[in-house]
Amino acid sequence: MKGDNDLAVWIDHAEDDFNATGKLLRGKMPSIYGACFHAQQCAEKYMKAMLVVREQRFPMTHDLVVVNTLLQQAGVDMQVSEDLLELLSSYAVRARYSGETPELDDAKEAFLIAKQVRSFARRFLGIE
């Protein structure tokens, strides 16, 4: 991402993904693949924003368990289970390719996990 150390960019992009997830789940024909993907992206970008604040480097990865380990090493404990982070991580790729097809309940769960990460990150970052 351009501006890897620009906190405002990470937050703006995370919020864009958060809003996209909500919009994709509304209506008569929700976009399940898109919602799962954007939920994962929201969480990933908020987690990386916290690493930016802690002045920690991070690899180019969509694996939220890896990013969470880096956060813990930096003294940040989100208290989100690795199982949930692993599930959400899978949507970075799985939701965009054929194979296992997420269902509406999966997308709703992904959004709830993203909301949990977002809520913690916004408190941590001092955002409303």
C-alpha atoms as a PDB file:
ATOM      1  CA  MET A   1       0.000   0.000   0.000  1.00  0.00           C
ATOM      2  CA  LYS A   2       1.271   3.446  -0.844  1.00  0.00           C
ATOM      3  CA  GLY A   3       2.167   5.322   2.351  1.00  0.00           C
ATOM      4  CA  ASP A   4       2.907   2.240   4.451  1.00  0.00           C
ATOM      5  CA  ASN A   5       3.754   4.456   7.436  1.00  0.00           C
ATOM      6  CA  ASP A   6       0.880   6.914   6.962  1.00  0.00           C
ATOM      7  CA  LEU A   7      -1.568   6.195   9.763  1.00  0.00           C
ATOM      8  CA  ALA A   8      -4.349   8.247   8.182  1.00  0.00           C
ATOM      9  CA  VAL A   9      -4.136   6.191   4.982  1.00  0.00           C
ATOM     10  CA  TRP A  10      -4.456   2.903   6.884  1.00  0.00           C
ATOM     11  CA  ILE A  11      -7.458   4.207   8.834  1.00  0.00           C
ATOM     12  CA  ASP A  12      -9.171   5.674   5.758  1.00  0.00           C
ATOM     13  CA  HIS A  13      -8.754   2.439   3.825  1.00  0.00           C
ATOM     14  CA  ALA A  14      -9.903   0.326   6.791  1.00  0.00           C
ATOM     15  CA  GLU A  15     -13.025   2.459   7.132  1.00  0.00           C
ATOM     16  CA  ASP A  16     -13.689   2.184   3.411  1.00  0.00           C
ATOM     17  CA  ASP A  17     -13.536  -1.621   3.724  1.00  0.00           C
ATOM     18  CA  PHE A  18     -15.755  -1.516   6.832  1.00  0.00           C
ATOM     19  CA  ASN A  19     -18.380   0.584   5.058  1.00  0.00           C
ATOM     20  CA  ALA A  20     -18.181  -1.616   1.956  1.00  0.00           C
ATOM     21  CA  THR A  21     -18.804  -4.718   4.073  1.00  0.00           C
ATOM     22  CA  GLY A  22     -21.929  -3.236   5.601  1.00  0.00           C
ATOM     23  CA  LYS A  23     -23.269  -2.115   2.231  1.00  0.00           C
ATOM     24  CA  LEU A  24     -22.542  -5.468   0.610  1.00  0.00           C
ATOM     25  CA  LEU A  25     -24.564  -7.295   3.274  1.00  0.00           C
ATOM     26  CA  ARG A  26     -27.655  -5.115   2.916  1.00  0.00           C
ATOM     27  CA  GLY A  27     -30.456  -5.643   0.470  1.00  0.00           C
ATOM     28  CA  LYS A  28     -32.257  -8.564  -1.052  1.00  0.00           C
ATOM     29  CA  MET A  29     -29.172  -9.994  -2.758  1.00  0.00           C
ATOM     30  CA  PRO A  30     -26.142  -9.501  -0.504  1.00  0.00           C
ATOM     31  CA  SER A  31     -22.681  -9.874  -2.000  1.00  0.00           C
ATOM     32  CA  ILE A  32     -21.281 -12.611   0.215  1.00  0.00           C
ATOM     33  CA  TYR A  33     -17.872 -12.930  -1.424  1.00  0.00           C
ATOM     34  CA  GLY A  34     -17.312  -9.198  -1.393  1.00  0.00           C
ATOM     35  CA  ALA A  35     -18.456  -8.818   2.207  1.00  0.00           C
ATOM     36  CA  CYS A  36     -16.116 -11.563   3.431  1.00  0.00           C
ATOM     37  CA  PHE A  37     -13.174 -10.048   1.556  1.00  0.00           C
ATOM     38  CA  HIS A  38     -13.764  -6.485   2.750  1.00  0.00           C
ATOM     39  CA  ALA A  39     -14.311  -7.627   6.350  1.00  0.00           C
ATOM     40  CA  GLN A  40     -10.882  -9.269   6.284  1.00  0.00           C
ATOM     41  CA  GLN A  41      -9.340  -6.186   4.696  1.00  0.00           C
ATOM     42  CA  CYS A  42     -10.856  -3.904   7.335  1.00  0.00           C
ATOM     43  CA  ALA A  43      -9.383  -5.965  10.165  1.00  0.00           C
ATOM     44  CA  GLU A  44      -6.004  -6.285   8.457  1.00  0.00           C
ATOM     45  CA  LYS A  45      -5.671  -2.560   7.848  1.00  0.00           C
ATOM     46  CA  TYR A  46      -6.699  -1.608  11.385  1.00  0.00           C
ATOM     47  CA  MET A  47      -4.231  -4.127  12.804  1.00  0.00           C
ATOM     48  CA  LYS A  48      -1.458  -2.740  10.624  1.00  0.00           C
ATOM     49  CA  ALA A  49      -2.431   0.806  11.667  1.00  0.00           C
ATOM     50  CA  MET A  50      -1.749  -0.199  15.271  1.00  0.00           C
ATOM     51  CA  LEU A  51       1.656  -1.527  14.226  1.00  0.00           C
ATOM     52  CA  VAL A  52       2.371   1.794  12.504  1.00  0.00           C
ATOM     53  CA  VAL A  53       1.598   3.630  15.765  1.00  0.00           C
ATOM     54  CA  ARG A  54       3.968   1.301  17.606  1.00  0.00           C
ATOM     55  CA  GLU A  55       6.573   1.940  14.871  1.00  0.00           C
ATOM     56  CA  GLN A  56       6.756  -1.767  14.080  1.00  0.00           C
ATOM     57  CA  ARG A  57       7.609  -3.144  10.661  1.00  0.00           C
ATOM     58  CA  PHE A  58       5.404  -5.843   9.177  1.00  0.00           C
ATOM     59  CA  PRO A  59       5.521  -8.128   6.158  1.00  0.00           C
ATOM     60  CA  MET A  60       3.171  -7.976   3.203  1.00  0.00           C
ATOM     61  CA  THR A  61       0.746 -10.626   4.418  1.00  0.00           C
ATOM     62  CA  HIS A  62      -2.987 -11.165   4.719  1.00  0.00           C
ATOM     63  CA  ASP A  63      -2.484 -13.615   7.594  1.00  0.00           C
ATOM     64  CA  LEU A  64      -4.109 -11.928  10.587  1.00  0.00           C
ATOM     65  CA  VAL A  65      -2.587 -14.439  12.990  1.00  0.00           C
ATOM     66  CA  VAL A  66       0.881 -13.323  11.881  1.00  0.00           C
ATOM     67  CA  VAL A  67      -0.089  -9.655  12.225  1.00  0.00           C
ATOM     68  CA  ASN A  68      -1.616 -10.334  15.637  1.00  0.00           C
ATOM     69  CA  THR A  69       1.603 -12.015  16.793  1.00  0.00           C
ATOM     70  CA  LEU A  70       3.489  -8.862  15.797  1.00  0.00           C
ATOM     71  CA  LEU A  71       0.969  -6.775  17.738  1.00  0.00           C
ATOM     72  CA  GLN A  72       1.400  -8.947  20.815  1.00  0.00           C
ATOM     73  CA  GLN A  73       5.188  -8.614  20.541  1.00  0.00           C
ATOM     74  CA  ALA A  74       4.628  -4.840  20.456  1.00  0.00           C
ATOM     75  CA  GLY A  75       2.559  -5.036  23.651  1.00  0.00           C
ATOM     76  CA  VAL A  76      -0.897  -4.869  22.046  1.00  0.00           C
ATOM     77  CA  ASP A  77      -3.369  -7.593  23.036  1.00  0.00           C
ATOM     78  CA  MET A  78      -6.650  -7.368  21.133  1.00  0.00           C
ATOM     79  CA  GLN A  79      -7.980 -10.488  22.869  1.00  0.00           C
ATOM     80  CA  VAL A  80      -9.459 -11.844  19.644  1.00  0.00           C
ATOM     81  CA  SER A  81      -9.023 -15.586  19.345  1.00  0.00           C
ATOM     82  CA  GLU A  82      -6.572 -16.988  16.824  1.00  0.00           C
ATOM     83  CA  ASP A  83      -9.356 -19.197  15.487  1.00  0.00           C
ATOM     84  CA  LEU A  84     -11.444 -16.150  14.570  1.00  0.00           C
ATOM     85  CA  LEU A  85      -8.461 -14.351  13.069  1.00  0.00           C
ATOM     86  CA  GLU A  86      -7.569 -17.457  11.064  1.00  0.00           C
ATOM     87  CA  LEU A  87     -11.137 -17.737   9.782  1.00  0.00           C
ATOM     88  CA  LEU A  88     -11.176 -14.080   8.759  1.00  0.00           C
ATOM     89  CA  SER A  89      -7.741 -14.436   7.142  1.00  0.00           C
ATOM     90  CA  SER A  90      -9.067 -17.158   4.886  1.00  0.00           C
ATOM     91  CA  TYR A  91     -11.394 -14.674   3.209  1.00  0.00           C
ATOM     92  CA  ALA A  92      -8.504 -12.618   1.843  1.00  0.00           C
ATOM     93  CA  VAL A  93      -8.078 -15.270  -0.832  1.00  0.00           C
ATOM     94  CA  ARG A  94     -10.711 -17.969  -0.424  1.00  0.00           C
ATOM     95  CA  ALA A  95     -13.675 -15.658  -0.929  1.00  0.00           C
ATOM     96  CA  ARG A  96     -12.306 -14.511  -4.283  1.00  0.00           C
ATOM     97  CA  TYR A  97     -11.632 -17.899  -5.860  1.00  0.00           C
ATOM     98  CA  SER A  98     -13.624 -21.028  -6.482  1.00  0.00           C
ATOM     99  CA  GLY A  99     -13.682 -23.765  -3.912  1.00  0.00           C
ATOM    100  CA  GLU A 100     -15.355 -23.402  -0.543  1.00  0.00           C
ATOM    101  CA  THR A 101     -18.267 -21.043  -0.897  1.00  0.00           C
ATOM    102  CA  PRO A 102     -19.041 -18.833   2.087  1.00  0.00           C
ATOM    103  CA  GLU A 103     -22.688 -18.417   2.966  1.00  0.00           C
ATOM    104  CA  LEU A 104     -24.561 -15.421   4.337  1.00  0.00           C
ATOM    105  CA  ASP A 105     -23.984 -16.525   7.939  1.00  0.00           C
ATOM    106  CA  ASP A 106     -20.246 -16.738   7.213  1.00  0.00           C
ATOM    107  CA  ALA A 107     -20.252 -13.192   5.859  1.00  0.00           C
ATOM    108  CA  LYS A 108     -22.169 -11.932   8.888  1.00  0.00           C
ATOM    109  CA  GLU A 109     -19.672 -13.650  11.196  1.00  0.00           C
ATOM    110  CA  ALA A 110     -16.771 -12.123   9.240  1.00  0.00           C
ATOM    111  CA  PHE A 111     -18.349  -8.691   9.679  1.00  0.00           C
ATOM    112  CA  LEU A 112     -18.730  -9.265  13.426  1.00  0.00           C
ATOM    113  CA  ILE A 113     -15.054 -10.239  13.742  1.00  0.00           C
ATOM    114  CA  ALA A 114     -14.046  -7.156  11.749  1.00  0.00           C
ATOM    115  CA  LYS A 115     -16.246  -5.014  14.014  1.00  0.00           C
ATOM    116  CA  GLN A 116     -14.486  -6.447  17.069  1.00  0.00           C
ATOM    117  CA  VAL A 117     -11.039  -5.668  15.640  1.00  0.00           C
ATOM    118  CA  ARG A 118     -12.205  -2.220  14.480  1.00  0.00           C
ATOM    119  CA  SER A 119     -13.678  -1.350  17.873  1.00  0.00           C
ATOM    120  CA  PHE A 120     -10.475  -2.291  19.693  1.00  0.00           C
ATOM    121  CA  ALA A 121      -8.269  -0.506  17.151  1.00  0.00           C
ATOM    122  CA  ARG A 122     -10.284   2.706  17.244  1.00  0.00           C
ATOM    123  CA  ARG A 123     -10.081   2.809  21.047  1.00  0.00           C
ATOM    124  CA  PHE A 124      -6.353   2.041  20.887  1.00  0.00           C
ATOM    125  CA  LEU A 125      -5.796   4.739  18.267  1.00  0.00           C
ATOM    126  CA  GLY A 126      -7.903   7.300  20.151  1.00  0.00           C
ATOM    127  CA  ILE A 127     -10.578   7.576  17.477  1.00  0.00           C
ATOM    128  CA  GLU A 128     -14.052   8.419  18.825  1.00  0.00           C
END
